[in-house]
C-alpha atoms as a PDB file:
ATOM      1  CA  MET A   1     -13.468  -6.265  -8.894  1.00  0.00           C
ATOM      2  CA  LEU A   2     -15.563  -3.629  -7.085  1.00  0.00           C
ATOM      3  CA  ALA A   3     -18.922  -3.277  -8.803  1.00  0.00           C
ATOM      4  CA  ALA A   4     -22.240  -1.554  -8.424  1.00  0.00           C
ATOM      5  CA  GLY A   5     -25.431  -1.715 -10.397  1.00  0.00           C
ATOM      6  CA  PRO A   6     -28.885  -3.188 -10.534  1.00  0.00           C
ATOM      7  CA  GLU A   7     -29.132  -6.661  -8.974  1.00  0.00           C
ATOM      8  CA  GLU A   8     -30.910  -8.044 -11.997  1.00  0.00           C
ATOM      9  CA  LEU A   9     -27.779  -7.440 -14.151  1.00  0.00           C
ATOM     10  CA  ARG A  10     -25.277  -9.083 -11.817  1.00  0.00           C
ATOM     11  CA  GLU A  11     -25.672 -12.608 -13.147  1.00  0.00           C
ATOM     12  CA  ARG A  12     -25.330 -11.419 -16.760  1.00  0.00           C
ATOM     13  CA  VAL A  13     -22.017  -9.568 -16.126  1.00  0.00           C
ATOM     14  CA  ALA A  14     -20.538 -12.115 -13.718  1.00  0.00           C
ATOM     15  CA  PRO A  15     -18.623 -14.067 -16.428  1.00  0.00           C
ATOM     16  CA  VAL A  16     -16.901 -10.852 -17.656  1.00  0.00           C
ATOM     17  CA  PHE A  17     -15.984  -9.835 -14.115  1.00  0.00           C
ATOM     18  CA  ALA A  18     -14.701 -13.363 -13.384  1.00  0.00           C
ATOM     19  CA  ALA A  19     -12.486 -13.194 -16.452  1.00  0.00           C
ATOM     20  CA  VAL A  20     -10.753 -10.013 -15.321  1.00  0.00           C
ATOM     21  CA  GLY A  21     -10.671 -10.337 -11.574  1.00  0.00           C
ATOM     22  CA  SER A  22     -10.234 -13.003  -8.916  1.00  0.00           C
ATOM     23  CA  ARG A  23     -13.391 -11.992  -7.048  1.00  0.00           C
ATOM     24  CA  THR A  24     -16.214  -9.454  -7.289  1.00  0.00           C
ATOM     25  CA  LEU A  25     -17.477  -7.377  -4.413  1.00  0.00           C
ATOM     26  CA  TRP A  26     -20.913  -5.962  -5.163  1.00  0.00           C
ATOM     27  CA  VAL A  27     -21.025  -2.676  -3.302  1.00  0.00           C
ATOM     28  CA  SER A  28     -24.578  -1.517  -3.989  1.00  0.00           C
ATOM     29  CA  GLU A  29     -27.158  -0.968  -6.723  1.00  0.00           C
ATOM     30  CA  ARG A  30     -26.152   2.696  -7.125  1.00  0.00           C
ATOM     31  CA  PRO A  31     -23.902   3.227 -10.164  1.00  0.00           C
ATOM     32  CA  GLY A  32     -20.517   4.664  -9.228  1.00  0.00           C
ATOM     33  CA  ASP A  33     -20.349   3.109  -5.778  1.00  0.00           C
ATOM     34  CA  GLY A  34     -17.723   0.557  -6.985  1.00  0.00           C
ATOM     35  CA  HIS A  35     -15.565   3.473  -8.055  1.00  0.00           C
ATOM     36  CA  ARG A  36     -16.190   5.259  -4.764  1.00  0.00           C
ATOM     37  CA  LEU A  37     -15.063   2.200  -2.791  1.00  0.00           C
ATOM     38  CA  LYS A  38     -11.979   1.855  -5.086  1.00  0.00           C
ATOM     39  CA  LEU A  39     -10.994   5.450  -4.220  1.00  0.00           C
ATOM     40  CA  THR A  40     -11.554   4.677  -0.524  1.00  0.00           C
ATOM     41  CA  ALA A  41      -9.390   1.513  -0.689  1.00  0.00           C
ATOM     42  CA  ASN A  42      -6.694   3.300  -2.705  1.00  0.00           C
ATOM     43  CA  ALA A  43      -6.566   6.084  -0.075  1.00  0.00           C
ATOM     44  CA  TRP A  44      -5.609   3.360   2.420  1.00  0.00           C
ATOM     45  CA  ILE A  45      -2.997   1.756   0.084  1.00  0.00           C
ATOM     46  CA  LEU A  46      -1.379   5.105  -0.730  1.00  0.00           C
ATOM     47  CA  SER A  47      -1.282   6.029   2.916  1.00  0.00           C
ATOM     48  CA  ILE A  48       0.278   2.703   3.903  1.00  0.00           C
ATOM     49  CA  THR A  49       2.935   3.111   1.222  1.00  0.00           C
ATOM     50  CA  ALA A  50       3.749   6.684   2.191  1.00  0.00           C
ATOM     51  CA  ALA A  51       3.918   5.743   5.902  1.00  0.00           C
ATOM     52  CA  ALA A  52       6.196   2.818   5.157  1.00  0.00           C
ATOM     53  CA  ALA A  53       8.467   5.147   3.202  1.00  0.00           C
ATOM     54  CA  GLN A  54       8.580   7.586   6.074  1.00  0.00           C
ATOM     55  CA  SER A  55       9.571   4.856   8.586  1.00  0.00           C
ATOM     56  CA  VAL A  56      12.080   3.157   6.316  1.00  0.00           C
ATOM     57  CA  ALA A  57      13.742   6.513   5.529  1.00  0.00           C
ATOM     58  CA  LEU A  58      13.694   7.591   9.195  1.00  0.00           C
ATOM     59  CA  ALA A  59      15.332   4.358  10.345  1.00  0.00           C
ATOM     60  CA  ASP A  60      18.032   4.813   7.729  1.00  0.00           C
ATOM     61  CA  ARG A  61      18.713   8.456   8.620  1.00  0.00           C
ATOM     62  CA  LEU A  62      18.891   7.518  12.268  1.00  0.00           C
ATOM     63  CA  GLY A  63      21.642   5.050  11.511  1.00  0.00           C
ATOM     64  CA  LEU A  64      19.497   1.959  11.920  1.00  0.00           C
ATOM     65  CA  ASP A  65      19.038  -0.908   9.504  1.00  0.00           C
ATOM     66  CA  PRO A  66      15.591  -0.185   8.044  1.00  0.00           C
ATOM     67  CA  ARG A  67      14.907  -3.906   7.951  1.00  0.00           C
ATOM     68  CA  LEU A  68      14.623  -3.633  11.732  1.00  0.00           C
ATOM     69  CA  PHE A  69      11.533  -1.420  11.247  1.00  0.00           C
ATOM     70  CA  LEU A  70       9.876  -4.216   9.272  1.00  0.00           C
ATOM     71  CA  LYS A  71      10.913  -6.793  11.900  1.00  0.00           C
ATOM     72  CA  ALA A  72       9.538  -4.520  14.673  1.00  0.00           C
ATOM     73  CA  ILE A  73       6.045  -4.340  13.138  1.00  0.00           C
ATOM     74  CA  ALA A  74       5.986  -7.955  11.886  1.00  0.00           C
ATOM     75  CA  GLY A  75       3.005  -9.780  13.301  1.00  0.00           C
ATOM     76  CA  ALA A  76       1.835  -6.778  15.311  1.00  0.00           C
ATOM     77  CA  PRO A  77      -1.639  -5.361  14.849  1.00  0.00           C
ATOM     78  CA  ALA A  78      -0.245  -2.517  12.777  1.00  0.00           C
ATOM     79  CA  ASP A  79       1.595  -4.852  10.416  1.00  0.00           C
ATOM     80  CA  SER A  80       0.384  -5.622   6.911  1.00  0.00           C
ATOM     81  CA  ALA A  81       1.612  -7.778   4.070  1.00  0.00           C
ATOM     82  CA  TYR A  82       1.507  -4.713   1.878  1.00  0.00           C
ATOM     83  CA  ALA A  83       3.703  -2.634   4.199  1.00  0.00           C
ATOM     84  CA  GLN A  84       6.166  -5.489   4.360  1.00  0.00           C
ATOM     85  CA  LEU A  85       6.280  -5.915   0.593  1.00  0.00           C
ATOM     86  CA  LYS A  86       6.607  -2.211  -0.211  1.00  0.00           C
ATOM     87  CA  GLY A  87       9.011  -1.664   2.664  1.00  0.00           C
ATOM     88  CA  ARG A  88      11.322  -4.454   1.379  1.00  0.00           C
ATOM     89  CA  ASN A  89      11.121  -3.017  -2.143  1.00  0.00           C
ATOM     90  CA  MET A  90      12.081   0.395  -0.818  1.00  0.00           C
ATOM     91  CA  ILE A  91      15.031  -0.948   1.136  1.00  0.00           C
ATOM     92  CA  GLU A  92      16.256  -3.094  -1.735  1.00  0.00           C
ATOM     93  CA  GLY A  93      15.601  -0.418  -4.376  1.00  0.00           C
ATOM     94  CA  VAL A  94      13.225  -2.629  -6.351  1.00  0.00           C
ATOM     95  CA  PHE A  95      10.896  -0.272  -8.221  1.00  0.00           C
ATOM     96  CA  GLU A  96       9.628  -2.476 -11.086  1.00  0.00           C
ATOM     97  CA  PRO A  97       6.072  -1.197 -11.425  1.00  0.00           C
ATOM     98  CA  ALA A  98       3.228  -3.208 -10.004  1.00  0.00           C
ATOM     99  CA  PHE A  99       1.351   0.091  -9.504  1.00  0.00           C
ATOM    100  CA  ALA A 100       3.191   2.923 -11.168  1.00  0.00           C
ATOM    101  CA  LEU A 101       3.876   6.046  -9.159  1.00  0.00           C
ATOM    102  CA  GLY A 102       2.323   8.204 -11.890  1.00  0.00           C
ATOM    103  CA  GLY A 103      -0.940   6.237 -11.452  1.00  0.00           C
ATOM    104  CA  ALA A 104      -0.686   6.717  -7.708  1.00  0.00           C
ATOM    105  CA  VAL A 105      -0.472  10.481  -8.268  1.00  0.00           C
ATOM    106  CA  LYS A 106      -3.551  10.409 -10.508  1.00  0.00           C
ATOM    107  CA  ASP A 107      -5.465   8.361  -7.916  1.00  0.00           C
ATOM    108  CA  ALA A 108      -4.347  10.640  -5.061  1.00  0.00           C
ATOM    109  CA  GLU A 109      -5.651  13.631  -6.996  1.00  0.00           C
ATOM    110  CA  LEU A 110      -9.032  11.920  -7.453  1.00  0.00           C
ATOM    111  CA  ILE A 111      -9.094  10.985  -3.795  1.00  0.00           C
ATOM    112  CA  LEU A 112      -8.155  14.489  -2.740  1.00  0.00           C
ATOM    113  CA  ASP A 113     -11.029  15.945  -4.869  1.00  0.00           C
ATOM    114  CA  THR A 114     -13.407  13.352  -3.420  1.00  0.00           C
ATOM    115  CA  VAL A 115     -12.360  14.105   0.168  1.00  0.00           C
ATOM    116  CA  ARG A 116     -12.889  17.803  -0.462  1.00  0.00           C
ATOM    117  CA  GLY A 117     -16.287  17.101  -2.053  1.00  0.00           C
ATOM    118  CA  ALA A 118     -17.286  15.043   0.982  1.00  0.00           C
ATOM    119  CA  GLY A 119     -16.393  17.945   3.299  1.00  0.00           C
ATOM    120  CA  LEU A 120     -13.661  15.980   5.067  1.00  0.00           C
ATOM    121  CA  ASP A 121     -10.340  17.252   6.345  1.00  0.00           C
ATOM    122  CA  GLU A 122      -7.911  16.860   3.493  1.00  0.00           C
ATOM    123  CA  ARG A 123      -4.533  17.320   5.235  1.00  0.00           C
ATOM    124  CA  LEU A 124      -3.500  13.681   5.311  1.00  0.00           C
ATOM    125  CA  ILE A 125      -4.359  12.803   1.748  1.00  0.00           C
ATOM    126  CA  ARG A 126      -2.914  16.165   0.555  1.00  0.00           C
ATOM    127  CA  ALA A 127       0.408  15.274   2.256  1.00  0.00           C
ATOM    128  CA  VAL A 128       0.366  11.772   0.684  1.00  0.00           C
ATOM    129  CA  HIS A 129      -0.440  13.275  -2.717  1.00  0.00           C
ATOM    130  CA  ASP A 130       2.370  15.794  -2.401  1.00  0.00           C
ATOM    131  CA  GLN A 131       4.890  13.058  -1.570  1.00  0.00           C
ATOM    132  CA  PHE A 132       3.846  10.989  -4.602  1.00  0.00           C
ATOM    133  CA  ARG A 133       3.760  14.012  -6.879  1.00  0.00           C
ATOM    134  CA  SER A 134       7.221  15.108  -5.762  1.00  0.00           C
ATOM    135  CA  ALA A 135       8.676  11.687  -6.571  1.00  0.00           C
ATOM    136  CA  ALA A 136       6.944  11.611  -9.926  1.00  0.00           C
ATOM    137  CA  ARG A 137       8.225  15.102 -10.802  1.00  0.00           C
ATOM    138  CA  ALA A 138      11.723  13.993  -9.926  1.00  0.00           C
ATOM    139  CA  GLY A 139      11.548  11.425 -12.714  1.00  0.00           C
ATOM    140  CA  HIS A 140      10.087   8.311 -11.092  1.00  0.00           C
ATOM    141  CA  ALA A 141       6.539   8.285 -12.448  1.00  0.00           C
ATOM    142  CA  GLU A 142       7.141   5.076 -14.350  1.00  0.00           C
ATOM    143  CA  GLU A 143       8.590   3.235 -11.326  1.00  0.00           C
ATOM    144  CA  ASP A 144       6.567   1.422  -8.773  1.00  0.00           C
ATOM    145  CA  MET A 145       4.837   3.635  -6.204  1.00  0.00           C
ATOM    146  CA  ALA A 146       7.325   2.381  -3.618  1.00  0.00           C
ATOM    147  CA  ALA A 147       9.642   4.945  -5.231  1.00  0.00           C
ATOM    148  CA  VAL A 148       7.804   7.533  -3.150  1.00  0.00           C
ATOM    149  CA  ILE A 149      10.630   6.893  -0.666  1.00  0.00           C
ATOM    150  CA  ARG A 150      12.825   8.996  -2.987  1.00  0.00           C
ATOM    151  CA  ALA A 151      10.679  12.105  -2.152  1.00  0.00           C
ATOM    152  CA  THR A 152      10.581  11.115   1.484  1.00  0.00           C
ATOM    153  CA  ARG A 153      14.392  11.147   1.556  1.00  0.00           C
ATOM    154  CA  GLY A 154      14.377  14.549  -0.157  1.00  0.00           C
ATOM    155  CA  GLU A 155      15.919  13.303  -3.348  1.00  0.00           C
ATOM    156  CA  GLY A 156      15.589  15.705  -6.262  1.00  0.00           C
ATOM    157  CA  SER A 157      16.552  13.192  -8.935  1.00  0.00           C
ATOM    158  CA  ARG A 158      17.250   9.516  -9.520  1.00  0.00           C
ATOM    159  CA  THR A 159      20.498   9.737  -7.485  1.00  0.00           C
ATOM    160  CA  ALA A 160      20.191   8.421  -3.941  1.00  0.00           C
ATOM    161  CA  ARG A 161      21.553  10.602  -1.118  1.00  0.00           C
ATOM    162  CA  SER A 162      21.621   7.951   1.572  1.00  0.00           C
ATOM    163  CA  GLY A 163      22.941   4.433   1.964  1.00  0.00           C
ATOM    164  CA  LEU A 164      19.665   3.114   0.462  1.00  0.00           C
ATOM    165  CA  PRO A 165      19.225   2.677  -3.298  1.00  0.00           C
END
C-alpha cells in the first residue's frame, strides 16, 4: 500500500490499509504522492517485463533455448525475481492474469502522460507502452502482461509464429 496524507490521519486509516495490503509505505503528507510513487514503480515493472520479453524472444529467434537467458542473469546484479517469474511464464506460455495486459496498457498511458508532464524524455516508456498496446490489440488484453512477448515476436494474433507458445 502506497499512501500519502496528513500524519494525524495515519493511525486512523492503518487498520483499513492493513486489511487490504501486506504493508504500508507512507510517501509524504501531500495527497497524490502515493499514486505518483505507484506510477513510478509500475514504470519499472512494465520496463522489466518488456525487457524480459525482448531477451526471451531474441534468444529464441537466435536458435537458443530462452531458459539459458534466465540462467545467464540468475544471481547477477541485473537479475530480479520478477524477471525470472515473467520470463518463465513467457517461455512456458503461462498467461493466467496476475496483472492483466489491458491494465498494463492503462498504466503505461498514465505513466507516459506523467513523464510528459514532468518534462522527461518519453522514448523508453512510449516504446514500452506501444509493445503492451500492440499485444492488447492483438487480442491478449485479458491475459497476464507477460503476453507482451507476443507483440515482441511480431505476432498479429493468438497464433504463435515461433517455437514458443
